[in-house]
Amino acid sequence: MTKNVLVTGCAGFIGYNLSKKLIHQEYSVTGIDSLNTAYDKKFKELRLKDLENEKNFQFVNNNLSDEDSLNELNNFDIVYHMGARAGVRQSFKDPLSYIKDNTIATTNVANFCKDNNIQKMILASTSSIYGNSGDKEMVEDLDEKINPPSIYASTKLSGETLAKTILSSHDTNLIITRFFTVYGPYGRPDMSILRFIHWIMENKEVIIFGDGEQRRSFTYVDDVVELLLKVQNCDNSETFNVGNNKTSSLNEVIKIIEKFSNKEALVNNQPRAFRDPDVVLPSLSKSKQILDWEPSTNIEEGIKSTIEWYSSFQDKIKDYTYIE
């Protein structure tokens, strides 16, 4: 029997890739998105245009921070709440938008799941809530020790907590997935890998905040989508890290882009960004044990695929805005 799935943030990077995969696996997908301008809206329109070519997809343009945004929707087996407003630096400039799009929107989605007896709510969260981890792997079950270092992280953690509280005495299973620096085709222009690819392919200055030695748990989007499908089999509420415990520095990323683009980067090092973490390492033991999941795409393969995607759309997207 075809499962009916609601994907919030369907025009976002992860929401788009997830929706595409669900559609190709014969799910009936309803996508909801406000198409906000947290980054260049044209990226969202490009993803949405592709989804709207699919027969098992319908789109609803609503803002989830509005209490009545989900009133006309029903009959879903699973809700994937991928919609959010991301970005650490921007969150300090506009905290109210982050509270609305992360905390309030998540509260509304959790209430929708409770009121409509949804089997599973799968909530996209972030590794940003952990702050710096140094050499220590961050474990999901130490929530009481988390001290989020940014407004963005605080609004995401608040969304987690409220969803847990709303659904705690209800039959809906809440699966929280904390993402670690996801990249890949149709990516976000405010994240380092796509931004670096754009600058290098267009022979522009590559701006790095700091010396470039800061490391990240770069995780390819196809690996993330694989986990998001696997969590449908969870019969209990759980929290999972979704990342890569093999980290790469920004300088290493640039070298890989140079290799596959056959271009040389023009690097411009700027002062380190405010509260930019050195590295956040995920513990993947829980994901391996319960879901039999770990990332399978190495950084070279992932960047090569992302460059190939960029090249195929280069004439269209080269003039889009890439946020520093």
Protein backbone atom coordinates (compact mmCIF):
# COMPACT_ATOMS: atom_id res chain seq x y z
CA MET A 1 0.00 0.00 0.00
CA THR A 2 1.32 3.44 -0.91
CA LYS A 3 2.40 5.47 2.11
CA ASN A 4 1.38 9.12 2.32
CA VAL A 5 4.23 11.30 3.51
CA LEU A 6 4.42 14.99 4.41
CA VAL A 7 7.82 16.61 3.90
CA THR A 8 8.22 20.10 5.32
CA GLY A 9 10.97 22.23 3.82
CA CYS A 10 10.59 20.29 0.57
CA ALA A 11 12.27 23.05 -1.43
CA GLY A 12 15.26 23.04 0.91
CA PHE A 13 18.45 21.10 0.27
CA ILE A 14 17.81 17.96 2.34
CA GLY A 15 14.02 18.15 2.01
CA TYR A 16 14.31 18.19 -1.79
CA ASN A 17 16.70 15.24 -1.96
CA LEU A 18 14.57 13.26 0.47
CA SER A 19 11.35 14.05 -1.43
CA LYS A 20 12.92 12.96 -4.70
CA LYS A 21 14.00 9.63 -3.21
CA LEU A 22 10.59 9.00 -1.61
CA ILE A 23 8.79 9.71 -4.88
CA HIS A 24 11.04 7.28 -6.76
CA GLN A 25 10.22 4.64 -4.16
CA GLU A 26 6.50 5.07 -4.92
CA TYR A 27 5.53 7.13 -1.88
CA SER A 28 2.86 9.78 -2.27
CA VAL A 29 4.58 13.00 -1.16
CA THR A 30 3.04 16.28 -0.10
CA GLY A 31 5.63 19.01 0.26
CA ILE A 32 5.21 22.22 2.22
CA ASP A 33 7.56 25.19 2.09
CA SER A 34 7.39 28.95 2.57
CA LEU A 35 10.17 29.60 0.02
CA ASN A 36 11.69 32.16 2.36
CA THR A 37 14.74 34.26 1.54
CA ALA A 38 17.17 32.96 4.19
CA TYR A 39 19.35 32.39 1.12
CA ASP A 40 18.75 33.01 -2.59
CA LYS A 41 15.19 31.90 -3.29
CA LYS A 42 16.15 30.83 -6.82
CA PHE A 43 17.84 27.72 -5.42
CA LYS A 44 14.55 26.70 -3.80
CA GLU A 45 12.61 27.44 -6.97
CA LEU A 46 15.07 25.29 -8.98
CA ARG A 47 14.53 22.32 -6.64
CA LEU A 48 10.76 22.82 -6.51
CA LYS A 49 10.48 22.99 -10.29
CA ASP A 50 12.10 19.57 -10.50
CA LEU A 51 9.78 18.10 -7.86
CA GLU A 52 6.68 19.48 -9.56
CA ASN A 53 7.52 17.38 -12.63
CA GLU A 54 6.86 14.25 -10.54
CA LYS A 55 3.39 12.66 -10.63
CA ASN A 56 3.35 11.58 -6.95
CA PHE A 57 4.08 15.07 -5.59
CA GLN A 58 1.89 17.99 -4.60
CA PHE A 59 3.08 21.30 -3.18
CA VAL A 60 1.63 23.57 -0.50
CA ASN A 61 3.09 27.07 -0.07
CA ASN A 62 2.60 27.83 3.63
CA ASN A 63 4.65 29.19 6.52
CA LEU A 64 4.77 26.65 9.34
CA SER A 65 5.16 29.34 11.98
CA ASP A 66 1.50 30.20 11.31
CA GLU A 67 -0.65 28.14 13.66
CA ASP A 68 -3.19 27.31 10.97
CA SER A 69 -0.65 26.42 8.25
CA LEU A 70 -1.40 22.68 8.45
CA ASN A 71 -5.16 22.85 9.01
CA GLU A 72 -6.13 21.71 5.52
CA LEU A 73 -3.75 18.73 5.49
CA ASN A 74 -4.44 15.22 6.78
CA ASN A 75 -4.13 11.48 6.17
CA PHE A 76 -0.37 11.07 6.50
CA ASP A 77 1.48 8.01 7.77
CA ILE A 78 4.78 9.84 8.32
CA VAL A 79 5.82 13.47 8.73
CA TYR A 80 9.39 14.45 7.86
CA HIS A 81 9.94 17.88 9.41
CA MET A 82 12.96 19.08 7.42
CA GLY A 83 11.89 22.73 7.29
CA ALA A 84 14.04 25.19 9.24
CA ARG A 85 15.99 28.42 9.04
CA ALA A 86 19.70 27.57 9.16
CA GLY A 87 22.84 29.66 9.64
CA VAL A 88 24.80 30.46 12.78
CA ARG A 89 26.04 33.96 11.91
CA GLN A 90 22.71 35.15 10.53
CA SER A 91 20.86 33.98 13.64
CA PHE A 92 22.55 36.65 15.77
CA LYS A 93 21.32 39.33 13.34
CA ASP A 94 17.70 38.17 13.17
CA PRO A 95 16.83 35.99 16.18
CA LEU A 96 13.08 36.43 15.87
CA SER A 97 12.97 34.79 12.43
CA TYR A 98 14.87 31.81 13.83
CA ILE A 99 12.51 31.48 16.78
CA LYS A 100 9.53 31.54 14.41
CA ASP A 101 10.91 29.21 11.72
CA ASN A 102 12.58 26.72 14.07
CA THR A 103 10.98 26.67 17.52
CA ILE A 104 7.42 27.79 16.77
CA ALA A 105 7.20 25.91 13.46
CA THR A 106 8.39 22.68 15.13
CA THR A 107 5.83 23.15 17.90
CA ASN A 108 3.08 23.50 15.29
CA VAL A 109 4.22 20.38 13.43
CA ALA A 110 4.39 18.34 16.65
CA ASN A 111 0.86 19.42 17.58
CA PHE A 112 -0.30 18.46 14.08
CA CYS A 113 1.21 14.98 14.50
CA LYS A 114 -0.46 14.57 17.90
CA ASP A 115 -3.86 15.79 16.74
CA ASN A 116 -3.82 13.61 13.59
CA ASN A 117 -2.42 10.41 15.13
CA ILE A 118 0.63 10.38 12.86
CA GLN A 119 2.70 7.20 13.27
CA LYS A 120 6.11 8.89 13.08
CA MET A 121 7.47 12.42 13.18
CA ILE A 122 11.05 12.60 11.91
CA LEU A 123 12.63 15.88 12.98
CA ALA A 124 15.69 17.43 11.36
CA SER A 125 18.00 18.93 13.96
CA THR A 126 21.64 19.99 13.94
CA SER A 127 25.08 19.21 15.30
CA SER A 128 25.42 22.93 16.03
CA ILE A 129 23.70 22.33 19.38
CA TYR A 130 26.84 20.52 20.63
CA GLY A 131 29.28 23.42 20.20
CA ASN A 132 32.98 22.47 20.04
CA SER A 133 33.73 18.81 20.69
CA GLY A 134 37.51 18.85 20.27
CA ASP A 135 38.69 15.24 19.96
CA LYS A 136 35.65 13.91 21.80
CA GLU A 137 32.81 12.28 19.90
CA MET A 138 29.44 13.76 20.77
CA VAL A 139 26.87 11.26 22.05
CA GLU A 140 23.15 11.76 21.51
CA ASP A 141 21.99 10.84 25.02
CA LEU A 142 23.75 13.61 26.94
CA ASP A 143 21.12 16.29 26.23
CA GLU A 144 21.17 17.69 29.75
CA LYS A 145 24.84 18.68 29.28
CA ILE A 146 24.30 20.52 26.00
CA ASN A 147 24.90 24.27 26.08
CA PRO A 148 24.07 25.54 22.57
CA PRO A 149 26.55 28.22 21.44
CA SER A 150 24.33 30.21 19.06
CA ILE A 151 20.80 31.48 18.64
CA TYR A 152 20.34 29.09 15.72
CA ALA A 153 21.39 26.12 17.85
CA SER A 154 19.22 27.28 20.76
CA THR A 155 16.12 27.50 18.58
CA LYS A 156 16.75 24.02 17.16
CA LEU A 157 17.29 22.49 20.61
CA SER A 158 14.16 24.23 21.87
CA GLY A 159 12.24 22.69 18.97
CA GLU A 160 13.53 19.24 19.94
CA THR A 161 12.50 19.73 23.57
CA LEU A 162 9.02 21.01 22.75
CA ALA A 163 8.36 18.19 20.27
CA LYS A 164 9.42 15.64 22.91
CA THR A 165 7.13 17.22 25.49
CA ILE A 166 4.13 17.45 23.15
CA LEU A 167 4.47 13.84 21.99
CA SER A 168 5.70 12.28 25.26
CA SER A 169 2.35 10.75 26.22
CA HIS A 170 1.21 10.06 22.68
CA ASP A 171 1.59 7.16 20.24
CA THR A 172 3.59 9.17 17.69
CA ASN A 173 7.23 8.05 17.59
CA LEU A 174 9.55 11.08 17.49
CA ILE A 175 12.81 10.41 15.64
CA ILE A 176 15.33 13.27 15.95
CA THR A 177 18.16 13.38 13.41
CA ARG A 178 21.08 15.72 14.11
CA PHE A 179 22.85 16.58 10.86
CA PHE A 180 26.58 17.31 10.56
CA THR A 181 27.54 19.64 7.64
CA VAL A 182 25.62 18.05 4.77
CA TYR A 183 26.73 18.76 1.18
CA GLY A 184 26.02 17.54 -2.34
CA PRO A 185 23.99 18.31 -5.50
CA TYR A 186 21.33 21.02 -5.13
CA GLY A 187 23.17 22.18 -1.99
CA ARG A 188 22.88 25.40 -0.05
CA PRO A 189 24.82 28.47 -1.28
CA ASP A 190 25.63 29.55 2.28
CA MET A 191 27.58 26.34 3.02
CA SER A 192 31.28 26.01 2.34
CA ILE A 193 31.57 23.25 -0.27
CA LEU A 194 29.09 24.59 -2.83
CA ARG A 195 30.31 28.13 -2.23
CA PHE A 196 33.94 27.07 -2.77
CA ILE A 197 33.03 25.13 -5.93
CA HIS A 198 31.21 28.18 -7.31
CA TRP A 199 34.07 30.57 -6.56
CA ILE A 200 36.75 28.25 -7.96
CA MET A 201 34.79 27.33 -11.11
CA GLU A 202 34.04 31.01 -11.75
CA ASN A 203 37.66 32.12 -11.06
CA LYS A 204 36.60 34.23 -8.09
CA GLU A 205 38.29 34.78 -4.73
CA VAL A 206 37.70 31.98 -2.27
CA ILE A 207 37.00 33.61 1.08
CA ILE A 208 37.95 31.54 4.13
CA PHE A 209 37.20 32.81 7.63
CA GLY A 210 40.35 31.75 9.50
CA ASP A 211 43.37 29.77 8.38
CA GLY A 212 41.31 26.98 6.81
CA GLU A 213 42.54 24.34 9.21
CA GLN A 214 39.19 24.09 11.00
CA ARG A 215 37.76 20.65 10.39
CA ARG A 216 34.20 19.55 9.63
CA SER A 217 32.23 16.32 9.57
CA PHE A 218 31.23 16.64 5.91
CA THR A 219 28.37 14.24 5.11
CA TYR A 220 27.15 13.53 1.58
CA VAL A 221 23.42 14.09 1.09
CA ASP A 222 22.71 10.61 -0.35
CA ASP A 223 24.04 9.06 2.87
CA VAL A 224 21.78 11.35 4.91
CA VAL A 225 18.73 10.38 2.84
CA GLU A 226 19.57 6.70 3.32
CA LEU A 227 19.40 7.15 7.10
CA LEU A 228 16.17 9.13 6.86
CA LEU A 229 14.59 6.17 5.09
CA LYS A 230 15.96 3.67 7.60
CA VAL A 231 14.50 5.49 10.62
CA GLN A 232 11.01 4.60 9.37
CA ASN A 233 11.69 1.18 10.90
CA CYS A 234 12.19 2.58 14.42
CA ASP A 235 9.43 1.46 16.76
CA ASN A 236 10.54 3.79 19.55
CA SER A 237 11.38 7.47 19.87
CA GLU A 238 15.11 7.92 19.28
CA THR A 239 17.78 10.55 18.58
CA PHE A 240 20.52 9.87 16.01
CA ASN A 241 23.67 11.67 14.92
CA VAL A 242 23.85 11.81 11.12
CA GLY A 243 27.42 12.63 10.25
CA ASN A 244 30.88 11.47 9.36
CA ASN A 245 33.58 10.73 11.93
CA LYS A 246 36.23 11.13 9.24
CA THR A 247 36.73 14.89 9.17
CA SER A 248 38.29 17.18 6.57
CA SER A 249 39.73 20.67 6.84
CA LEU A 250 38.55 23.51 4.63
CA ASN A 251 42.02 23.59 3.07
CA GLU A 252 41.74 19.89 2.21
CA VAL A 253 38.34 20.51 0.63
CA ILE A 254 39.78 23.26 -1.57
CA LYS A 255 42.58 20.94 -2.75
CA ILE A 256 40.01 18.31 -3.74
CA ILE A 257 37.93 20.90 -5.65
CA GLU A 258 41.08 22.07 -7.46
CA LYS A 259 41.81 18.45 -8.41
CA PHE A 260 38.41 17.72 -9.97
CA SER A 261 37.79 21.15 -11.49
CA ASN A 262 41.30 21.52 -12.95
CA LYS A 263 41.37 25.05 -11.59
CA GLU A 264 43.47 26.85 -9.01
CA ALA A 265 41.82 28.52 -6.02
CA LEU A 266 42.47 32.21 -5.31
CA VAL A 267 42.31 32.05 -1.51
CA ASN A 268 41.57 35.11 0.63
CA ASN A 269 41.86 34.39 4.37
CA GLN A 270 39.66 36.60 6.55
CA PRO A 271 39.37 36.80 10.36
CA ARG A 272 37.72 33.78 11.97
CA ALA A 273 33.91 33.98 12.10
CA PHE A 274 32.14 34.67 15.39
CA ARG A 275 31.70 31.46 17.43
CA ASP A 276 32.84 29.29 14.54
CA PRO A 277 33.57 25.84 16.06
CA ASP A 278 36.86 24.05 15.39
CA VAL A 279 35.33 20.61 14.91
CA VAL A 280 32.26 18.72 15.99
CA LEU A 281 32.71 14.95 15.92
CA PRO A 282 29.69 12.62 15.93
CA SER A 283 29.50 9.33 17.75
CA LEU A 284 27.93 6.97 15.21
CA SER A 285 27.69 3.92 17.46
CA LYS A 286 23.93 4.33 17.97
CA SER A 287 23.24 4.76 14.25
CA LYS A 288 25.32 1.66 13.48
CA GLN A 289 23.79 -0.45 16.22
CA ILE A 290 20.11 0.39 15.73
CA LEU A 291 19.96 1.31 12.03
CA ASP A 292 22.99 -0.48 10.58
CA TRP A 293 23.97 2.87 9.07
CA GLU A 294 27.22 4.71 8.53
CA PRO A 295 28.23 7.07 5.73
CA SER A 296 29.63 5.32 2.67
CA THR A 297 30.60 8.27 0.43
CA ASN A 298 34.12 9.56 0.92
CA ILE A 299 34.86 13.25 0.58
CA GLU A 300 36.54 12.93 -2.84
CA GLU A 301 33.61 11.02 -4.36
CA GLY A 302 31.11 13.45 -2.88
CA ILE A 303 32.90 16.59 -4.06
CA LYS A 304 33.42 15.09 -7.53
CA SER A 305 29.66 14.41 -7.83
CA THR A 306 28.84 17.91 -6.58
CA ILE A 307 31.19 19.51 -9.13
CA GLU A 308 29.58 17.44 -11.90
CA TRP A 309 26.15 18.64 -10.80
CA TYR A 310 27.32 22.26 -10.62
CA SER A 311 28.83 21.99 -14.11
CA SER A 312 25.54 20.70 -15.53
CA PHE A 313 23.68 23.75 -14.15
CA GLN A 314 26.54 26.26 -14.32
CA ASP A 315 25.05 28.58 -16.93
CA LYS A 316 21.84 28.85 -14.88
CA ILE A 317 23.16 29.06 -11.31
CA LYS A 318 26.45 30.92 -11.68
CA ASP A 319 24.64 34.25 -11.23
CA TYR A 320 22.70 33.14 -8.15
CA THR A 321 23.76 34.69 -4.83
CA TYR A 322 26.31 32.74 -2.80
CA ILE A 323 26.36 33.96 0.79
CA GLU A 324 29.71 34.48 2.48
